[in-house]
Amino acid sequence: MAEETNTSGGGGGTGMAFIIGALVVVVAVIAYFVFAGGVTQKKRVDINVSAPQVEAPKVPEAPKPAN
Protein backbone atom coordinates (compact mmCIF):
# COMPACT_ATOMS: atom_id res chain seq x y z
CA MET A 1 0.00 0.00 0.00
CA ALA A 2 1.21 3.41 -0.88
CA GLU A 3 0.60 6.46 1.30
CA GLU A 4 -0.64 9.61 -0.30
CA THR A 5 0.78 12.94 0.81
CA ASN A 6 -1.08 16.17 0.33
CA THR A 7 1.29 18.84 -0.98
CA SER A 8 -1.27 21.14 -2.52
CA GLY A 9 -2.48 23.07 0.54
CA GLY A 10 -2.34 23.70 4.23
CA GLY A 11 0.55 24.98 6.25
CA GLY A 12 0.32 28.44 4.75
CA GLY A 13 -0.30 30.08 8.11
CA THR A 14 3.34 31.08 8.58
CA GLY A 15 3.19 33.89 6.02
CA MET A 16 -0.14 35.13 7.37
CA ALA A 17 1.19 35.08 10.94
CA PHE A 18 4.21 37.14 9.85
CA ILE A 19 1.98 39.73 8.16
CA ILE A 20 -0.38 39.98 11.14
CA GLY A 21 2.57 40.27 13.53
CA ALA A 22 4.08 43.07 11.47
CA LEU A 23 0.75 44.92 11.43
CA VAL A 24 0.46 44.61 15.22
CA VAL A 25 3.95 46.08 15.63
CA VAL A 26 3.16 48.96 13.25
CA VAL A 27 -0.08 49.76 15.09
CA ALA A 28 1.74 49.66 18.44
CA VAL A 29 4.39 52.12 17.22
CA ILE A 30 1.76 54.48 15.80
CA ALA A 31 -0.24 54.31 19.05
CA TYR A 32 2.90 55.18 21.03
CA PHE A 33 3.52 58.30 18.99
CA VAL A 34 -0.12 59.38 19.06
CA PHE A 35 -0.88 58.80 22.74
CA ALA A 36 2.52 59.37 24.38
CA GLY A 37 3.53 62.42 22.36
CA GLY A 38 6.41 60.73 20.61
CA VAL A 39 10.01 60.49 21.72
CA THR A 40 10.58 64.15 22.58
CA GLN A 41 7.62 65.18 24.66
CA LYS A 42 8.29 68.58 26.19
CA LYS A 43 4.96 69.70 27.55
CA ARG A 44 4.72 71.78 30.67
CA VAL A 45 1.31 72.45 32.10
CA ASP A 46 0.88 75.09 34.80
CA ILE A 47 -2.59 75.21 36.31
CA ASN A 48 -3.60 77.94 38.74
CA VAL A 49 -6.94 77.33 40.44
CA SER A 50 -6.92 80.10 43.01
CA ALA A 51 -10.10 82.16 43.03
CA PRO A 52 -10.68 85.54 44.71
CA GLN A 53 -12.33 85.42 48.09
CA VAL A 54 -15.98 86.39 47.84
CA GLU A 55 -18.19 87.19 50.80
CA ALA A 56 -21.85 86.21 50.85
CA PRO A 57 -24.38 89.03 51.15
CA LYS A 58 -25.76 89.72 54.61
CA VAL A 59 -29.15 88.29 55.43
CA PRO A 60 -31.74 90.99 56.08
CA GLU A 61 -33.23 91.17 59.54
CA ALA A 62 -36.57 89.52 60.04
CA PRO A 63 -39.52 91.90 60.42
CA LYS A 64 -40.73 92.46 63.98
CA PRO A 65 -44.11 90.90 64.75
CA ALA A 66 -46.99 93.31 65.05
CA ASN A 67 -48.76 93.39 68.45
PDB file of N, CA and C in Angstrom:
ATOM      1  N   MET A   1       0.825  -1.177   0.000  1.00  0.00           N
ATOM      2  CA  MET A   1       0.000   0.000   0.000  1.00  0.00           C
ATOM      3  C   MET A   1       0.875   1.249   0.000  1.00  0.00           C
ATOM      4  N   ALA A   2       0.470   2.161  -0.787  1.00  0.00           N
ATOM      5  CA  ALA A   2       1.207   3.415  -0.879  1.00  0.00           C
ATOM      6  C   ALA A   2       0.459   4.500  -0.111  1.00  0.00           C
ATOM      7  N   GLU A   3       1.213   5.352   0.559  1.00  0.00           N
ATOM      8  CA  GLU A   3       0.602   6.458   1.304  1.00  0.00           C
ATOM      9  C   GLU A   3       0.575   7.697   0.422  1.00  0.00           C
ATOM     10  N   GLU A   4      -0.540   8.380   0.467  1.00  0.00           N
ATOM     11  CA  GLU A   4      -0.643   9.612  -0.304  1.00  0.00           C
ATOM     12  C   GLU A   4      -0.281  10.794   0.590  1.00  0.00           C
ATOM     13  N   THR A   5       0.453  11.709   0.064  1.00  0.00           N
ATOM     14  CA  THR A   5       0.784  12.936   0.805  1.00  0.00           C
ATOM     15  C   THR A   5       0.153  14.114   0.099  1.00  0.00           C
ATOM     16  N   ASN A   6      -0.404  15.002   0.883  1.00  0.00           N
ATOM     17  CA  ASN A   6      -1.080  16.174   0.332  1.00  0.00           C
ATOM     18  C   ASN A   6      -0.086  17.321   0.314  1.00  0.00           C
ATOM     19  N   THR A   7       0.334  17.734  -0.857  1.00  0.00           N
ATOM     20  CA  THR A   7       1.286  18.839  -0.979  1.00  0.00           C
ATOM     21  C   THR A   7       0.664  20.060  -1.624  1.00  0.00           C
ATOM     22  N   SER A   8      -0.649  20.030  -1.798  1.00  0.00           N
ATOM     23  CA  SER A   8      -1.273  21.139  -2.516  1.00  0.00           C
ATOM     24  C   SER A   8      -1.796  22.233  -1.596  1.00  0.00           C
ATOM     25  N   GLY A   9      -1.913  22.024  -0.311  1.00  0.00           N
ATOM     26  CA  GLY A   9      -2.482  23.073   0.535  1.00  0.00           C
ATOM     27  C   GLY A   9      -2.154  22.846   1.996  1.00  0.00           C
ATOM     28  N   GLY A  10      -2.583  23.784   2.798  1.00  0.00           N
ATOM     29  CA  GLY A  10      -2.338  23.699   4.230  1.00  0.00           C
ATOM     30  C   GLY A  10      -0.943  24.177   4.578  1.00  0.00           C
ATOM     31  N   GLY A  11      -0.762  24.543   5.802  1.00  0.00           N
ATOM     32  CA  GLY A  11       0.554  24.978   6.250  1.00  0.00           C
ATOM     33  C   GLY A  11       0.939  26.359   5.770  1.00  0.00           C
ATOM     34  N   GLY A  12       0.010  27.104   5.248  1.00  0.00           N
ATOM     35  CA  GLY A  12       0.320  28.438   4.748  1.00  0.00           C
ATOM     36  C   GLY A  12       0.118  29.515   5.801  1.00  0.00           C
ATOM     37  N   GLY A  13      -0.043  29.121   7.031  1.00  0.00           N
ATOM     38  CA  GLY A  13      -0.296  30.082   8.109  1.00  0.00           C
ATOM     39  C   GLY A  13       0.933  30.854   8.536  1.00  0.00           C
ATOM     40  N   THR A  14       2.114  30.394   8.159  1.00  0.00           N
ATOM     41  CA  THR A  14       3.337  31.084   8.576  1.00  0.00           C
ATOM     42  C   THR A  14       3.434  32.468   7.961  1.00  0.00           C
ATOM     43  N   GLY A  15       3.139  32.580   6.691  1.00  0.00           N
ATOM     44  CA  GLY A  15       3.187  33.887   6.024  1.00  0.00           C
ATOM     45  C   GLY A  15       2.136  34.829   6.569  1.00  0.00           C
ATOM     46  N   MET A  16       0.937  34.300   6.817  1.00  0.00           N
ATOM     47  CA  MET A  16      -0.136  35.129   7.369  1.00  0.00           C
ATOM     48  C   MET A  16       0.207  35.576   8.784  1.00  0.00           C
ATOM     49  N   ALA A  17       0.804  34.710   9.573  1.00  0.00           N
ATOM     50  CA  ALA A  17       1.194  35.076  10.938  1.00  0.00           C
ATOM     51  C   ALA A  17       2.255  36.168  10.917  1.00  0.00           C
ATOM     52  N   PHE A  18       3.176  36.108   9.979  1.00  0.00           N
ATOM     53  CA  PHE A  18       4.205  37.137   9.855  1.00  0.00           C
ATOM     54  C   PHE A  18       3.585  38.485   9.495  1.00  0.00           C
ATOM     55  N   ILE A  19       2.640  38.487   8.574  1.00  0.00           N
ATOM     56  CA  ILE A  19       1.980  39.732   8.159  1.00  0.00           C
ATOM     57  C   ILE A  19       1.176  40.327   9.313  1.00  0.00           C
ATOM     58  N   ILE A  20       0.422  39.494  10.016  1.00  0.00           N
ATOM     59  CA  ILE A  20      -0.379  39.983  11.145  1.00  0.00           C
ATOM     60  C   ILE A  20       0.531  40.501  12.254  1.00  0.00           C
ATOM     61  N   GLY A  21       1.613  39.814  12.517  1.00  0.00           N
ATOM     62  CA  GLY A  21       2.568  40.273  13.531  1.00  0.00           C
ATOM     63  C   GLY A  21       3.177  41.616  13.173  1.00  0.00           C
ATOM     64  N   ALA A  22       3.518  41.786  11.910  1.00  0.00           N
ATOM     65  CA  ALA A  22       4.081  43.071  11.465  1.00  0.00           C
ATOM     66  C   ALA A  22       3.051  44.180  11.606  1.00  0.00           C
ATOM     67  N   LEU A  23       1.801  43.903  11.282  1.00  0.00           N
ATOM     68  CA  LEU A  23       0.748  44.918  11.433  1.00  0.00           C
ATOM     69  C   LEU A  23       0.542  45.294  12.902  1.00  0.00           C
ATOM     70  N   VAL A  24       0.609  44.319  13.790  1.00  0.00           N
ATOM     71  CA  VAL A  24       0.462  44.606  15.222  1.00  0.00           C
ATOM     72  C   VAL A  24       1.595  45.511  15.695  1.00  0.00           C
ATOM     73  N   VAL A  25       2.807  45.245  15.243  1.00  0.00           N
ATOM     74  CA  VAL A  25       3.949  46.080  15.633  1.00  0.00           C
ATOM     75  C   VAL A  25       3.789  47.496  15.087  1.00  0.00           C
ATOM     76  N   VAL A  26       3.354  47.635  13.847  1.00  0.00           N
ATOM     77  CA  VAL A  26       3.160  48.964  13.248  1.00  0.00           C
ATOM     78  C   VAL A  26       2.085  49.737  14.009  1.00  0.00           C
ATOM     79  N   VAL A  27       0.986  49.088  14.340  1.00  0.00           N
ATOM     80  CA  VAL A  27      -0.084  49.764  15.090  1.00  0.00           C
ATOM     81  C   VAL A  27       0.402  50.154  16.478  1.00  0.00           C
ATOM     82  N   ALA A  28       1.209  49.327  17.119  1.00  0.00           N
ATOM     83  CA  ALA A  28       1.735  49.664  18.445  1.00  0.00           C
ATOM     84  C   ALA A  28       2.659  50.883  18.383  1.00  0.00           C
ATOM     85  N   VAL A  29       3.487  50.966  17.358  1.00  0.00           N
ATOM     86  CA  VAL A  29       4.390  52.120  17.216  1.00  0.00           C
ATOM     87  C   VAL A  29       3.592  53.389  16.941  1.00  0.00           C
ATOM     88  N   ILE A  30       2.600  53.309  16.088  1.00  0.00           N
ATOM     89  CA  ILE A  30       1.759  54.479  15.801  1.00  0.00           C
ATOM     90  C   ILE A  30       1.010  54.918  17.065  1.00  0.00           C
ATOM     91  N   ALA A  31       0.478  53.974  17.813  1.00  0.00           N
ATOM     92  CA  ALA A  31      -0.242  54.312  19.045  1.00  0.00           C
ATOM     93  C   ALA A  31       0.690  54.980  20.051  1.00  0.00           C
ATOM     94  N   TYR A  32       1.944  54.544  20.122  1.00  0.00           N
ATOM     95  CA  TYR A  32       2.897  55.177  21.033  1.00  0.00           C
ATOM     96  C   TYR A  32       3.108  56.642  20.666  1.00  0.00           C
ATOM     97  N   PHE A  33       3.288  56.922  19.398  1.00  0.00           N
ATOM     98  CA  PHE A  33       3.525  58.300  18.986  1.00  0.00           C
ATOM     99  C   PHE A  33       2.278  59.163  19.137  1.00  0.00           C
ATOM    100  N   VAL A  34       1.109  58.599  18.953  1.00  0.00           N
ATOM    101  CA  VAL A  34      -0.124  59.378  19.064  1.00  0.00           C
ATOM    102  C   VAL A  34      -0.456  59.666  20.516  1.00  0.00           C
ATOM    103  N   PHE A  35      -0.417  58.640  21.366  1.00  0.00           N
ATOM    104  CA  PHE A  35      -0.883  58.801  22.740  1.00  0.00           C
ATOM    105  C   PHE A  35       0.197  59.270  23.702  1.00  0.00           C
ATOM    106  N   ALA A  36       1.452  58.985  23.452  1.00  0.00           N
ATOM    107  CA  ALA A  36       2.517  59.370  24.377  1.00  0.00           C
ATOM    108  C   ALA A  36       3.226  60.641  23.937  1.00  0.00           C
ATOM    109  N   GLY A  37       2.904  61.178  22.813  1.00  0.00           N
ATOM    110  CA  GLY A  37       3.527  62.418  22.362  1.00  0.00           C
ATOM    111  C   GLY A  37       4.849  62.201  21.663  1.00  0.00           C
ATOM    112  N   GLY A  38       5.179  60.991  21.330  1.00  0.00           N
ATOM    113  CA  GLY A  38       6.415  60.730  20.608  1.00  0.00           C
ATOM    114  C   GLY A  38       7.601  60.587  21.539  1.00  0.00           C
ATOM    115  N   VAL A  39       8.778  60.688  20.956  1.00  0.00           N
ATOM    116  CA  VAL A  39      10.007  60.486  21.718  1.00  0.00           C
ATOM    117  C   VAL A  39      10.375  61.738  22.500  1.00  0.00           C
ATOM    118  N   THR A  40      10.166  62.903  21.941  1.00  0.00           N
ATOM    119  CA  THR A  40      10.580  64.151  22.577  1.00  0.00           C
ATOM    120  C   THR A  40       9.364  64.935  23.046  1.00  0.00           C
ATOM    121  N   GLN A  41       8.777  64.478  24.108  1.00  0.00           N
ATOM    122  CA  GLN A  41       7.616  65.177  24.656  1.00  0.00           C
ATOM    123  C   GLN A  41       8.118  66.233  25.634  1.00  0.00           C
ATOM    124  N   LYS A  42       7.842  67.492  25.337  1.00  0.00           N
ATOM    125  CA  LYS A  42       8.290  68.581  26.194  1.00  0.00           C
ATOM    126  C   LYS A  42       7.112  69.482  26.523  1.00  0.00           C
ATOM    127  N   LYS A  43       6.116  68.913  27.157  1.00  0.00           N
ATOM    128  CA  LYS A  43       4.956  69.698  27.552  1.00  0.00           C
ATOM    129  C   LYS A  43       5.106  70.098  29.001  1.00  0.00           C
ATOM    130  N   ARG A  44       4.731  71.322  29.289  1.00  0.00           N
ATOM    131  CA  ARG A  44       4.723  71.780  30.669  1.00  0.00           C
ATOM    132  C   ARG A  44       3.384  72.459  30.892  1.00  0.00           C
ATOM    133  N   VAL A  45       2.637  71.934  31.815  1.00  0.00           N
ATOM    134  CA  VAL A  45       1.307  72.448  32.097  1.00  0.00           C
ATOM    135  C   VAL A  45       1.337  73.095  33.475  1.00  0.00           C
ATOM    136  N   ASP A  46       0.933  74.358  33.536  1.00  0.00           N
ATOM    137  CA  ASP A  46       0.878  75.085  34.805  1.00  0.00           C
ATOM    138  C   ASP A  46      -0.564  75.509  35.021  1.00  0.00           C
ATOM    139  N   ILE A  47      -1.181  74.940  36.038  1.00  0.00           N
ATOM    140  CA  ILE A  47      -2.586  75.215  36.307  1.00  0.00           C
ATOM    141  C   ILE A  47      -2.699  75.980  37.612  1.00  0.00           C
ATOM    142  N   ASN A  48      -3.379  77.125  37.553  1.00  0.00           N
ATOM    143  CA  ASN A  48      -3.600  77.941  38.737  1.00  0.00           C
ATOM    144  C   ASN A  48      -5.102  77.964  39.000  1.00  0.00           C
ATOM    145  N   VAL A  49      -5.515  77.416  40.132  1.00  0.00           N
ATOM    146  CA  VAL A  49      -6.936  77.333  40.439  1.00  0.00           C
ATOM    147  C   VAL A  49      -7.312  78.186  41.641  1.00  0.00           C
ATOM    148  N   SER A  50      -6.575  79.229  41.892  1.00  0.00           N
ATOM    149  CA  SER A  50      -6.915  80.102  43.008  1.00  0.00           C
ATOM    150  C   SER A  50      -7.973  81.111  42.557  1.00  0.00           C
ATOM    151  N   ALA A  51      -9.003  81.240  43.353  1.00  0.00           N
ATOM    152  CA  ALA A  51     -10.100  82.159  43.034  1.00  0.00           C
ATOM    153  C   ALA A  51     -10.121  83.277  44.089  1.00  0.00           C
ATOM    154  N   PRO A  52     -10.608  84.455  43.721  1.00  0.00           N
ATOM    155  CA  PRO A  52     -10.675  85.536  44.707  1.00  0.00           C
ATOM    156  C   PRO A  52     -11.694  85.190  45.784  1.00  0.00           C
ATOM    157  N   GLN A  53     -11.430  85.689  46.984  1.00  0.00           N
ATOM    158  CA  GLN A  53     -12.334  85.416  48.095  1.00  0.00           C
ATOM    159  C   GLN A  53     -13.569  86.307  47.960  1.00  0.00           C
ATOM    160  N   VAL A  54     -14.723  85.683  48.004  1.00  0.00           N
ATOM    161  CA  VAL A  54     -15.978  86.394  47.843  1.00  0.00           C
ATOM    162  C   VAL A  54     -16.802  86.187  49.108  1.00  0.00           C
ATOM    163  N   GLU A  55     -17.352  87.296  49.613  1.00  0.00           N
ATOM    164  CA  GLU A  55     -18.193  87.190  50.801  1.00  0.00           C
ATOM    165  C   GLU A  55     -19.651  87.110  50.376  1.00  0.00           C
ATOM    166  N   ALA A  56     -20.421  86.343  51.135  1.00  0.00           N
ATOM    167  CA  ALA A  56     -21.845  86.213  50.854  1.00  0.00           C
ATOM    168  C   ALA A  56     -22.559  87.470  51.345  1.00  0.00           C
ATOM    169  N   PRO A  57     -23.644  87.849  50.698  1.00  0.00           N
ATOM    170  CA  PRO A  57     -24.381  89.033  51.151  1.00  0.00           C
ATOM    171  C   PRO A  57     -25.014  88.775  52.518  1.00  0.00           C
ATOM    172  N   LYS A  58     -25.173  89.852  53.282  1.00  0.00           N
ATOM    173  CA  LYS A  58     -25.756  89.720  54.614  1.00  0.00           C
ATOM    174  C   LYS A  58     -27.250  89.443  54.496  1.00  0.00           C
ATOM    175  N   VAL A  59     -27.727  88.637  55.406  1.00  0.00           N
ATOM    176  CA  VAL A  59     -29.145  88.285  55.426  1.00  0.00           C
ATOM    177  C   VAL A  59     -29.911  89.447  56.069  1.00  0.00           C
ATOM    178  N   PRO A  60     -30.989  89.883  55.463  1.00  0.00           N
ATOM    179  CA  PRO A  60     -31.737  90.986  56.084  1.00  0.00           C
ATOM    180  C   PRO A  60     -32.399  90.531  57.376  1.00  0.00           C
ATOM    181  N   GLU A  61     -32.611  91.504  58.243  1.00  0.00           N
ATOM    182  CA  GLU A  61     -33.227  91.173  59.537  1.00  0.00           C
ATOM    183  C   GLU A  61     -34.693  90.824  59.307  1.00  0.00           C
ATOM    184  N   ALA A  62     -35.181  89.931  60.143  1.00  0.00           N
ATOM    185  CA  ALA A  62     -36.573  89.516  60.042  1.00  0.00           C
ATOM    186  C   ALA A  62     -37.469  90.652  60.552  1.00  0.00           C
ATOM    187  N   PRO A  63     -38.623  90.830  59.946  1.00  0.00           N
ATOM    188  CA  PRO A  63     -39.521  91.895  60.419  1.00  0.00           C
ATOM    189  C   PRO A  63     -40.034  91.569  61.836  1.00  0.00           C
ATOM    190  N   LYS A  64     -40.239  92.635  62.603  1.00  0.00           N
ATOM    191  CA  LYS A  64     -40.732  92.461  63.984  1.00  0.00           C
ATOM    192  C   LYS A  64     -42.226  92.170  63.929  1.00  0.00           C
ATOM    193  N   PRO A  65     -42.673  91.235  64.755  1.00  0.00           N
ATOM    194  CA  PRO A  65     -44.105  90.904  64.750  1.00  0.00           C
ATOM    195  C   PRO A  65     -44.955  92.082  65.237  1.00  0.00           C
ATOM    196  N   ALA A  66     -46.073  92.220  64.645  1.00  0.00           N
ATOM    197  CA  ALA A  66     -46.989  93.315  65.049  1.00  0.00           C
ATOM    198  C   ALA A  66     -47.789  92.837  66.264  1.00  0.00           C
ATOM    199  N   ASN A  67     -47.973  93.740  67.249  1.00  0.00           N
ATOM    200  CA  ASN A  67     -48.764  93.394  68.454  1.00  0.00           C
ATOM    201  C   ASN A  67     -50.136  93.874  68.326  1.00  0.00           C
TER     202      ASN A  67
END
